Amino acid sequence: MLRQRCRSYSTPVSGNVVACHAGLEHGEAAMSVAEATTTGAIVYPESDGQPMAENTLQFRWIVTLQGNLAALFAGRADVFVAGDLLWYPVEGRPDIRRAPDVLVAIGRPKGDRGAYLQWEEGGQAPQVVFEMLSPGNTLSEIARKFEFYDQYGVEEYYLIDPERGDASGWVRRAGRLAVIEDMNGWVSPALGVRFTVERGEVRLFYPDGRPFLTFEELAQAKAEAEARAAEAEARAAEAEARAARLAERLRALGIEPDDRV
């Protein structure tokens, strides 16, 4: 059967608005938006019924980008980072929507959301969006995404092809998204993140030069750092023990270690 989770939002224009997430059980068909509006409220579904990713590589990229960008802005309460979240730019039009693989909304508070309802976010569109190219993407789908982000105010749009190790980008100039000619060495104006595209590999770096890492790489780096710290501590303890033994020998010879020149 169909299960719905709905949240009620109060808006100055439409009054009470309901955002719902429909989940399916036992293979039943999805309920349409029209069928879900028996109460007269406008429904903004929290799911489009599409998978987050088509393969493990695409999924890993989405999770890595979202996690590292969230870490980058961890100290700022006014930056919202999300992955695979439906964005509705127009109140009253639940049919106008996109779910970027990763979005960054600067000037919006952190916190959990079922969807990004732009009119509930001070009218602020996400400034930066990322999409991971997958084998199932068609040229028309890619074009529609670009048109959507161009029309609804995205400042920076990045399309990454994890399989080919390539990246494309667009930045808003004179009111339109314009192509970035060379992504290798490009630094995002909004994020301060640097891209490299070399030898069939795309990499992103924090403003301080640290690379974006997967959770496995972060865990390995932490373990290696802890091992180095433990080794340094052991060396310091051994050096201290050697110094103590030498001092005892000097005292046995009637030499006070502190008196040595």
C-alpha atoms as a PDB file:
ATOM      1  CA  MET A   1       0.000   0.000   0.000  1.00  0.00           C
ATOM      2  CA  LEU A   2       0.964   3.659  -0.332  1.00  0.00           C
ATOM      3  CA  ARG A   3       2.339   5.437   2.709  1.00  0.00           C
ATOM      4  CA  GLN A   4       2.574   9.223   2.859  1.00  0.00           C
ATOM      5  CA  ARG A   5       4.554  11.495   5.121  1.00  0.00           C
ATOM      6  CA  CYS A   6       3.299  15.033   4.953  1.00  0.00           C
ATOM      7  CA  ARG A   7       4.409  18.294   6.489  1.00  0.00           C
ATOM      8  CA  SER A   8       2.318  21.409   6.699  1.00  0.00           C
ATOM      9  CA  TYR A   9       3.809  24.792   5.785  1.00  0.00           C
ATOM     10  CA  SER A  10       2.259  28.186   6.303  1.00  0.00           C
ATOM     11  CA  THR A  11       2.808  30.656   3.471  1.00  0.00           C
ATOM     12  CA  PRO A  12       1.741  34.280   3.140  1.00  0.00           C
ATOM     13  CA  VAL A  13       0.254  33.659  -0.291  1.00  0.00           C
ATOM     14  CA  SER A  14      -1.356  30.245  -0.197  1.00  0.00           C
ATOM     15  CA  GLY A  15      -1.986  29.755   3.505  1.00  0.00           C
ATOM     16  CA  ASN A  16      -1.438  26.157   4.523  1.00  0.00           C
ATOM     17  CA  VAL A  17       0.612  24.106   2.080  1.00  0.00           C
ATOM     18  CA  VAL A  18       1.326  20.405   2.444  1.00  0.00           C
ATOM     19  CA  ALA A  19       4.533  18.693   1.318  1.00  0.00           C
ATOM     20  CA  CYS A  20       4.208  14.921   1.098  1.00  0.00           C
ATOM     21  CA  HIS A  21       6.510  11.994   0.523  1.00  0.00           C
ATOM     22  CA  ALA A  22       4.812   8.972  -0.975  1.00  0.00           C
ATOM     23  CA  GLY A  23       6.318   5.538  -0.403  1.00  0.00           C
ATOM     24  CA  LEU A  24       5.214   2.352  -2.140  1.00  0.00           C
ATOM     25  CA  GLU A  25       4.625  -1.104  -0.744  1.00  0.00           C
ATOM     26  CA  HIS A  26       3.819  -4.395  -2.480  1.00  0.00           C
ATOM     27  CA  GLY A  27       4.378  -2.939  -5.953  1.00  0.00           C
ATOM     28  CA  GLU A  28       1.436  -0.554  -5.969  1.00  0.00           C
ATOM     29  CA  ALA A  29       1.442   2.365  -8.392  1.00  0.00           C
ATOM     30  CA  ALA A  30       2.415   5.858  -7.220  1.00  0.00           C
ATOM     31  CA  MET A  31      -0.308   8.329  -6.346  1.00  0.00           C
ATOM     32  CA  SER A  32      -0.387  11.386  -8.582  1.00  0.00           C
ATOM     33  CA  VAL A  33      -0.265  14.917  -7.245  1.00  0.00           C
ATOM     34  CA  ALA A  34      -3.832  15.482  -8.382  1.00  0.00           C
ATOM     35  CA  GLU A  35      -5.057  12.407  -6.481  1.00  0.00           C
ATOM     36  CA  ALA A  36      -3.283  13.572  -3.332  1.00  0.00           C
ATOM     37  CA  THR A  37      -5.014  16.939  -3.199  1.00  0.00           C
ATOM     38  CA  THR A  38      -8.420  15.815  -1.962  1.00  0.00           C
ATOM     39  CA  THR A  39      -8.245  18.370   0.854  1.00  0.00           C
ATOM     40  CA  GLY A  40      -7.643  21.231  -1.578  1.00  0.00           C
ATOM     41  CA  ALA A  41      -4.104  21.808  -0.263  1.00  0.00           C
ATOM     42  CA  ILE A  42      -1.221  22.001  -2.728  1.00  0.00           C
ATOM     43  CA  VAL A  43       1.044  18.992  -2.387  1.00  0.00           C
ATOM     44  CA  TYR A  44       4.801  19.260  -2.867  1.00  0.00           C
ATOM     45  CA  PRO A  45       6.053  15.649  -2.915  1.00  0.00           C
ATOM     46  CA  GLU A  46       9.294  14.968  -1.106  1.00  0.00           C
ATOM     47  CA  SER A  47      10.250  12.208  -3.537  1.00  0.00           C
ATOM     48  CA  ASP A  48      10.238  11.999  -7.314  1.00  0.00           C
ATOM     49  CA  GLY A  49      10.366   8.217  -7.275  1.00  0.00           C
ATOM     50  CA  GLN A  50      13.814   8.197  -8.899  1.00  0.00           C
ATOM     51  CA  PRO A  51      16.859   6.475  -7.383  1.00  0.00           C
ATOM     52  CA  MET A  52      19.540   8.655  -5.849  1.00  0.00           C
ATOM     53  CA  ALA A  53      22.188   7.072  -8.066  1.00  0.00           C
ATOM     54  CA  GLU A  54      22.470   4.474 -10.808  1.00  0.00           C
ATOM     55  CA  ASN A  55      25.696   2.881  -9.618  1.00  0.00           C
ATOM     56  CA  THR A  56      28.118   2.797  -6.710  1.00  0.00           C
ATOM     57  CA  LEU A  57      30.575   5.224  -8.322  1.00  0.00           C
ATOM     58  CA  GLN A  58      27.928   7.906  -8.805  1.00  0.00           C
ATOM     59  CA  PHE A  59      26.602   7.342  -5.276  1.00  0.00           C
ATOM     60  CA  ARG A  60      30.110   7.621  -3.790  1.00  0.00           C
ATOM     61  CA  TRP A  61      30.662  10.916  -5.562  1.00  0.00           C
ATOM     62  CA  ILE A  62      27.360  12.335  -4.312  1.00  0.00           C
ATOM     63  CA  VAL A  63      28.035  11.305  -0.720  1.00  0.00           C
ATOM     64  CA  THR A  64      31.643  12.533  -0.860  1.00  0.00           C
ATOM     65  CA  LEU A  65      30.688  15.928  -2.271  1.00  0.00           C
ATOM     66  CA  GLN A  66      27.823  16.464   0.163  1.00  0.00           C
ATOM     67  CA  GLY A  67      29.900  15.376   3.146  1.00  0.00           C
ATOM     68  CA  ASN A  68      32.971  17.462   2.312  1.00  0.00           C
ATOM     69  CA  LEU A  69      30.934  20.565   1.479  1.00  0.00           C
ATOM     70  CA  ALA A  70      29.010  20.172   4.743  1.00  0.00           C
ATOM     71  CA  ALA A  71      32.352  19.884   6.561  1.00  0.00           C
ATOM     72  CA  LEU A  72      33.686  22.951   4.734  1.00  0.00           C
ATOM     73  CA  PHE A  73      30.806  25.047   6.073  1.00  0.00           C
ATOM     74  CA  ALA A  74      30.422  23.285   9.422  1.00  0.00           C
ATOM     75  CA  GLY A  75      31.308  26.497  11.242  1.00  0.00           C
ATOM     76  CA  ARG A  76      28.672  28.568   9.468  1.00  0.00           C
ATOM     77  CA  ALA A  77      25.064  28.359  10.599  1.00  0.00           C
ATOM     78  CA  ASP A  78      23.876  30.159   7.460  1.00  0.00           C
ATOM     79  CA  VAL A  79      24.924  27.603   4.840  1.00  0.00           C
ATOM     80  CA  PHE A  80      22.639  24.697   3.939  1.00  0.00           C
ATOM     81  CA  VAL A  81      24.105  21.718   2.071  1.00  0.00           C
ATOM     82  CA  ALA A  82      21.963  18.830   0.843  1.00  0.00           C
ATOM     83  CA  GLY A  83      22.060  15.849  -1.464  1.00  0.00           C
ATOM     84  CA  ASP A  84      19.233  14.538  -3.655  1.00  0.00           C
ATOM     85  CA  LEU A  85      16.718  17.040  -2.251  1.00  0.00           C
ATOM     86  CA  LEU A  86      13.783  18.228  -4.335  1.00  0.00           C
ATOM     87  CA  TRP A  87      13.878  21.965  -4.999  1.00  0.00           C
ATOM     88  CA  TYR A  88      10.604  23.764  -5.768  1.00  0.00           C
ATOM     89  CA  PRO A  89      11.329  27.300  -7.022  1.00  0.00           C
ATOM     90  CA  VAL A  90       7.739  28.439  -7.677  1.00  0.00           C
ATOM     91  CA  GLU A  91       4.977  28.482  -5.089  1.00  0.00           C
ATOM     92  CA  GLY A  92       1.817  26.826  -6.318  1.00  0.00           C
ATOM     93  CA  ARG A  93       3.659  24.846  -9.033  1.00  0.00           C
ATOM     94  CA  PRO A  94       4.613  21.412  -7.672  1.00  0.00           C
ATOM     95  CA  ASP A  95       5.267  20.316 -11.255  1.00  0.00           C
ATOM     96  CA  ILE A  96       8.279  22.666 -11.476  1.00  0.00           C
ATOM     97  CA  ARG A  97      11.027  20.913  -9.562  1.00  0.00           C
ATOM     98  CA  ARG A  98      14.478  19.388  -9.684  1.00  0.00           C
ATOM     99  CA  ALA A  99      16.505  17.270  -7.276  1.00  0.00           C
ATOM    100  CA  PRO A 100      20.176  18.244  -7.752  1.00  0.00           C
ATOM    101  CA  ASP A 101      22.632  15.581  -6.683  1.00  0.00           C
ATOM    102  CA  VAL A 102      24.149  18.201  -4.355  1.00  0.00           C
ATOM    103  CA  LEU A 103      23.030  21.758  -3.663  1.00  0.00           C
ATOM    104  CA  VAL A 104      24.465  24.574  -1.565  1.00  0.00           C
ATOM    105  CA  ALA A 105      22.278  27.445  -0.369  1.00  0.00           C
ATOM    106  CA  ILE A 106      24.339  30.236   1.185  1.00  0.00           C
ATOM    107  CA  GLY A 107      22.376  32.462   3.521  1.00  0.00           C
ATOM    108  CA  ARG A 108      19.935  29.727   4.558  1.00  0.00           C
ATOM    109  CA  PRO A 109      20.026  28.067   7.975  1.00  0.00           C
ATOM    110  CA  LYS A 110      21.175  24.525   8.556  1.00  0.00           C
ATOM    111  CA  GLY A 111      18.545  21.964   9.456  1.00  0.00           C
ATOM    112  CA  ASP A 112      16.581  19.034   8.102  1.00  0.00           C
ATOM    113  CA  ARG A 113      14.074  19.574   5.291  1.00  0.00           C
ATOM    114  CA  GLY A 114      11.788  17.328   3.310  1.00  0.00           C
ATOM    115  CA  ALA A 115      12.121  19.597   0.287  1.00  0.00           C
ATOM    116  CA  TYR A 116      13.618  22.969  -0.556  1.00  0.00           C
ATOM    117  CA  LEU A 117      10.585  25.251  -0.929  1.00  0.00           C
ATOM    118  CA  GLN A 118      12.165  28.434  -2.207  1.00  0.00           C
ATOM    119  CA  TRP A 119       9.413  30.798  -1.032  1.00  0.00           C
ATOM    120  CA  GLU A 120       9.952  29.409   2.489  1.00  0.00           C
ATOM    121  CA  GLU A 121      13.694  30.102   2.134  1.00  0.00           C
ATOM    122  CA  GLY A 122      13.439  33.862   1.751  1.00  0.00           C
ATOM    123  CA  GLY A 123      13.127  33.446  -2.011  1.00  0.00           C
ATOM    124  CA  GLN A 124      16.757  32.300  -2.143  1.00  0.00           C
ATOM    125  CA  ALA A 125      17.673  29.836  -4.878  1.00  0.00           C
ATOM    126  CA  PRO A 126      20.596  27.492  -4.204  1.00  0.00           C
ATOM    127  CA  GLN A 127      23.683  29.277  -5.466  1.00  0.00           C
ATOM    128  CA  VAL A 128      25.621  26.136  -6.373  1.00  0.00           C
ATOM    129  CA  VAL A 129      24.430  22.776  -7.710  1.00  0.00           C
ATOM    130  CA  PHE A 130      26.315  19.634  -8.708  1.00  0.00           C
ATOM    131  CA  GLU A 131      25.154  16.819 -10.951  1.00  0.00           C
ATOM    132  CA  MET A 132      26.906  13.467 -11.428  1.00  0.00           C
ATOM    133  CA  LEU A 133      26.637  12.166 -14.968  1.00  0.00           C
ATOM    134  CA  SER A 134      25.411   8.579 -15.115  1.00  0.00           C
ATOM    135  CA  PRO A 135      25.119   6.076 -17.970  1.00  0.00           C
ATOM    136  CA  GLY A 136      21.343   6.522 -17.997  1.00  0.00           C
ATOM    137  CA  ASN A 137      21.416  10.277 -18.619  1.00  0.00           C
ATOM    138  CA  THR A 138      20.196  11.386 -22.034  1.00  0.00           C
ATOM    139  CA  LEU A 139      21.214  14.554 -23.848  1.00  0.00           C
ATOM    140  CA  SER A 140      17.667  15.924 -23.567  1.00  0.00           C
ATOM    141  CA  GLU A 141      17.660  15.296 -19.810  1.00  0.00           C
ATOM    142  CA  ILE A 142      20.991  17.072 -19.409  1.00  0.00           C
ATOM    143  CA  ALA A 143      19.688  19.986 -21.484  1.00  0.00           C
ATOM    144  CA  ARG A 144      16.511  20.245 -19.386  1.00  0.00           C
ATOM    145  CA  LYS A 145      18.545  20.355 -16.182  1.00  0.00           C
ATOM    146  CA  PHE A 146      20.729  23.110 -17.572  1.00  0.00           C
ATOM    147  CA  GLU A 147      17.689  25.147 -18.654  1.00  0.00           C
ATOM    148  CA  PHE A 148      16.118  24.730 -15.207  1.00  0.00           C
ATOM    149  CA  TYR A 149      19.224  25.887 -13.340  1.00  0.00           C
ATOM    150  CA  ASP A 150      19.733  28.733 -15.775  1.00  0.00           C
ATOM    151  CA  GLN A 151      16.127  29.918 -15.502  1.00  0.00           C
ATOM    152  CA  TYR A 152      15.763  29.668 -11.744  1.00  0.00           C
ATOM    153  CA  GLY A 153      18.865  31.521 -10.646  1.00  0.00           C
ATOM    154  CA  VAL A 154      21.667  29.058  -9.917  1.00  0.00           C
ATOM    155  CA  GLU A 155      24.974  30.948  -9.807  1.00  0.00           C
ATOM    156  CA  GLU A 156      27.283  27.983 -10.417  1.00  0.00           C
ATOM    157  CA  TYR A 157      26.465  24.641 -12.021  1.00  0.00           C
ATOM    158  CA  TYR A 158      28.942  21.758 -12.164  1.00  0.00           C
ATOM    159  CA  LEU A 159      28.474  18.530 -14.125  1.00  0.00           C
ATOM    160  CA  ILE A 160      30.925  15.773 -13.216  1.00  0.00           C
ATOM    161  CA  ASP A 161      31.444  12.570 -15.168  1.00  0.00           C
ATOM    162  CA  PRO A 162      33.004  10.156 -12.641  1.00  0.00           C
ATOM    163  CA  GLU A 163      33.497   7.342 -15.143  1.00  0.00           C
ATOM    164  CA  ARG A 164      35.407   9.400 -17.710  1.00  0.00           C
ATOM    165  CA  GLY A 165      37.098  11.606 -15.131  1.00  0.00           C
ATOM    166  CA  ASP A 166      35.840  14.816 -16.675  1.00  0.00           C
ATOM    167  CA  ALA A 167      33.981  17.897 -15.461  1.00  0.00           C
ATOM    168  CA  SER A 168      32.126  20.824 -16.989  1.00  0.00           C
ATOM    169  CA  GLY A 169      31.048  24.005 -15.296  1.00  0.00           C
ATOM    170  CA  TRP A 170      28.984  27.131 -15.803  1.00  0.00           C
ATOM    171  CA  VAL A 171      28.991  30.382 -13.861  1.00  0.00           C
ATOM    172  CA  ARG A 172      26.403  33.157 -14.078  1.00  0.00           C
ATOM    173  CA  ARG A 173      27.519  36.160 -16.057  1.00  0.00           C
ATOM    174  CA  ALA A 174      25.251  38.952 -17.295  1.00  0.00           C
ATOM    175  CA  GLY A 175      22.209  37.061 -16.029  1.00  0.00           C
ATOM    176  CA  ARG A 176      22.940  33.746 -17.778  1.00  0.00           C
ATOM    177  CA  LEU A 177      24.971  30.646 -17.041  1.00  0.00           C
ATOM    178  CA  ALA A 178      28.114  30.856 -19.155  1.00  0.00           C
ATOM    179  CA  VAL A 179      30.478  27.939 -19.745  1.00  0.00           C
ATOM    180  CA  ILE A 180      33.772  27.778 -17.853  1.00  0.00           C
ATOM    181  CA  GLU A 181      36.380  27.249 -20.541  1.00  0.00           C
ATOM    182  CA  ASP A 182      38.898  25.330 -18.419  1.00  0.00           C
ATOM    183  CA  MET A 183      37.914  23.478 -15.255  1.00  0.00           C
ATOM    184  CA  ASN A 184      41.472  22.429 -14.424  1.00  0.00           C
ATOM    185  CA  GLY A 185      42.506  24.829 -11.654  1.00  0.00           C
ATOM    186  CA  TRP A 186      39.104  26.534 -11.520  1.00  0.00           C
ATOM    187  CA  VAL A 187      38.148  27.952  -8.113  1.00  0.00           C
ATOM    188  CA  SER A 188      34.450  28.262  -7.278  1.00  0.00           C
ATOM    189  CA  PRO A 189      33.649  31.918  -6.488  1.00  0.00           C
ATOM    190  CA  ALA A 190      30.969  30.943  -3.963  1.00  0.00           C
ATOM    191  CA  LEU A 191      32.667  27.971  -2.299  1.00  0.00           C
ATOM    192  CA  GLY A 192      36.387  28.670  -2.625  1.00  0.00           C
ATOM    193  CA  VAL A 193      36.759  25.038  -3.731  1.00  0.00           C
ATOM    194  CA  ARG A 194      39.389  24.271  -6.382  1.00  0.00           C
ATOM    195  CA  PHE A 195      38.911  21.730  -9.175  1.00  0.00           C
ATOM    196  CA  THR A 196      41.572  19.768 -10.987  1.00  0.00           C
ATOM    197  CA  VAL A 197      40.884  17.690 -14.092  1.00  0.00           C
ATOM    198  CA  GLU A 198      44.018  15.791 -15.038  1.00  0.00           C
ATOM    199  CA  ARG A 199      44.860  12.367 -16.485  1.00  0.00           C
ATOM    200  CA  GLY A 200      41.230  11.231 -16.478  1.00  0.00           C
ATOM    201  CA  GLU A 201      40.603  12.187 -12.850  1.00  0.00           C
ATOM    202  CA  VAL A 202      38.497  14.922 -11.264  1.00  0.00           C
ATOM    203  CA  ARG A 203      39.516  16.125  -7.813  1.00  0.00           C
ATOM    204  CA  LEU A 204      38.255  18.876  -5.520  1.00  0.00           C
ATOM    205  CA  PHE A 205      40.246  20.698  -2.836  1.00  0.00           C
ATOM    206  CA  TYR A 206      39.381  22.789   0.191  1.00  0.00           C
ATOM    207  CA  PRO A 207      40.460  26.455   0.152  1.00  0.00           C
ATOM    208  CA  ASP A 208      43.447  25.477   2.334  1.00  0.00           C
ATOM    209  CA  GLY A 209      44.582  22.901  -0.218  1.00  0.00           C
ATOM    210  CA  ARG A 210      43.362  19.719   1.477  1.00  0.00           C
ATOM    211  CA  PRO A 211      41.727  17.248  -0.944  1.00  0.00           C
ATOM    212  CA  PHE A 212      38.125  16.108  -0.671  1.00  0.00           C
ATOM    213  CA  LEU A 213      38.239  12.570   0.720  1.00  0.00           C
ATOM    214  CA  THR A 214      35.773   9.704   0.900  1.00  0.00           C
ATOM    215  CA  PHE A 215      34.718   8.445   4.323  1.00  0.00           C
ATOM    216  CA  GLU A 216      37.052   5.462   3.893  1.00  0.00           C
ATOM    217  CA  GLU A 217      39.958   7.760   3.035  1.00  0.00           C
ATOM    218  CA  LEU A 218      39.128   9.993   6.001  1.00  0.00           C
ATOM    219  CA  ALA A 219      39.066   6.987   8.337  1.00  0.00           C
ATOM    220  CA  GLN A 220      42.403   5.764   6.940  1.00  0.00           C
ATOM    221  CA  ALA A 221      43.961   9.223   7.266  1.00  0.00           C
ATOM    222  CA  LYS A 222      42.738   9.470  10.854  1.00  0.00           C
ATOM    223  CA  ALA A 223      44.141   6.034  11.695  1.00  0.00           C
ATOM    224  CA  GLU A 224      47.500   6.922  10.133  1.00  0.00           C
ATOM    225  CA  ALA A 225      47.614  10.221  12.022  1.00  0.00           C
ATOM    226  CA  GLU A 226      46.828   8.456  15.284  1.00  0.00           C
ATOM    227  CA  ALA A 227      49.534   5.862  14.570  1.00  0.00           C
ATOM    228  CA  ARG A 228      52.085   8.605  13.877  1.00  0.00           C
ATOM    229  CA  ALA A 229      51.092  10.399  17.083  1.00  0.00           C
ATOM    230  CA  ALA A 230      51.416   7.187  19.090  1.00  0.00           C
ATOM    231  CA  GLU A 231      54.814   6.485  17.529  1.00  0.00           C
ATOM    232  CA  ALA A 232      56.031  10.018  18.308  1.00  0.00           C
ATOM    233  CA  GLU A 233      54.780   9.666  21.884  1.00  0.00           C
ATOM    234  CA  ALA A 234      56.617   6.347  22.252  1.00  0.00           C
ATOM    235  CA  ARG A 235      59.837   7.883  20.890  1.00  0.00           C
ATOM    236  CA  ALA A 236      59.528  10.796  23.316  1.00  0.00           C
ATOM    237  CA  ALA A 237      58.948   8.421  26.229  1.00  0.00           C
ATOM    238  CA  GLU A 238      61.986   6.328  25.228  1.00  0.00           C
ATOM    239  CA  ALA A 239      64.146   9.440  24.944  1.00  0.00           C
ATOM    240  CA  GLU A 240      62.998  10.544  28.379  1.00  0.00           C
ATOM    241  CA  ALA A 241      63.796   7.112  29.814  1.00  0.00           C
ATOM    242  CA  ARG A 242      67.293   7.171  28.257  1.00  0.00           C
ATOM    243  CA  ALA A 243      67.910  10.620  29.731  1.00  0.00           C
ATOM    244  CA  ALA A 244      66.800   9.389  33.150  1.00  0.00           C
ATOM    245  CA  ARG A 245      69.159   6.365  32.973  1.00  0.00           C
ATOM    246  CA  LEU A 246      72.083   8.577  31.944  1.00  0.00           C
ATOM    247  CA  ALA A 247      71.358  10.939  34.838  1.00  0.00           C
ATOM    248  CA  GLU A 248      71.434   8.039  37.281  1.00  0.00           C
ATOM    249  CA  ARG A 249      74.809   6.877  35.955  1.00  0.00           C
ATOM    250  CA  LEU A 250      76.244  10.372  36.279  1.00  0.00           C
ATOM    251  CA  ARG A 251      75.020  10.633  39.845  1.00  0.00           C
ATOM    252  CA  ALA A 252      76.635   7.249  40.634  1.00  0.00           C
ATOM    253  CA  LEU A 253      79.917   8.817  39.491  1.00  0.00           C
ATOM    254  CA  GLY A 254      79.349  11.803  41.732  1.00  0.00           C
ATOM    255  CA  ILE A 255      78.348  14.124  38.900  1.00  0.00           C
ATOM    256  CA  GLU A 256      75.152  16.071  39.239  1.00  0.00           C
ATOM    257  CA  PRO A 257      73.586  16.256  35.752  1.00  0.00           C
ATOM    258  CA  ASP A 258      72.334  19.810  36.264  1.00  0.00           C
ATOM    259  CA  ASP A 259      75.933  20.962  36.993  1.00  0.00           C
ATOM    260  CA  ARG A 260      77.250  19.936  33.573  1.00  0.00           C
ATOM    261  CA  VAL A 261      78.304  22.728  31.263  1.00  0.00           C
END
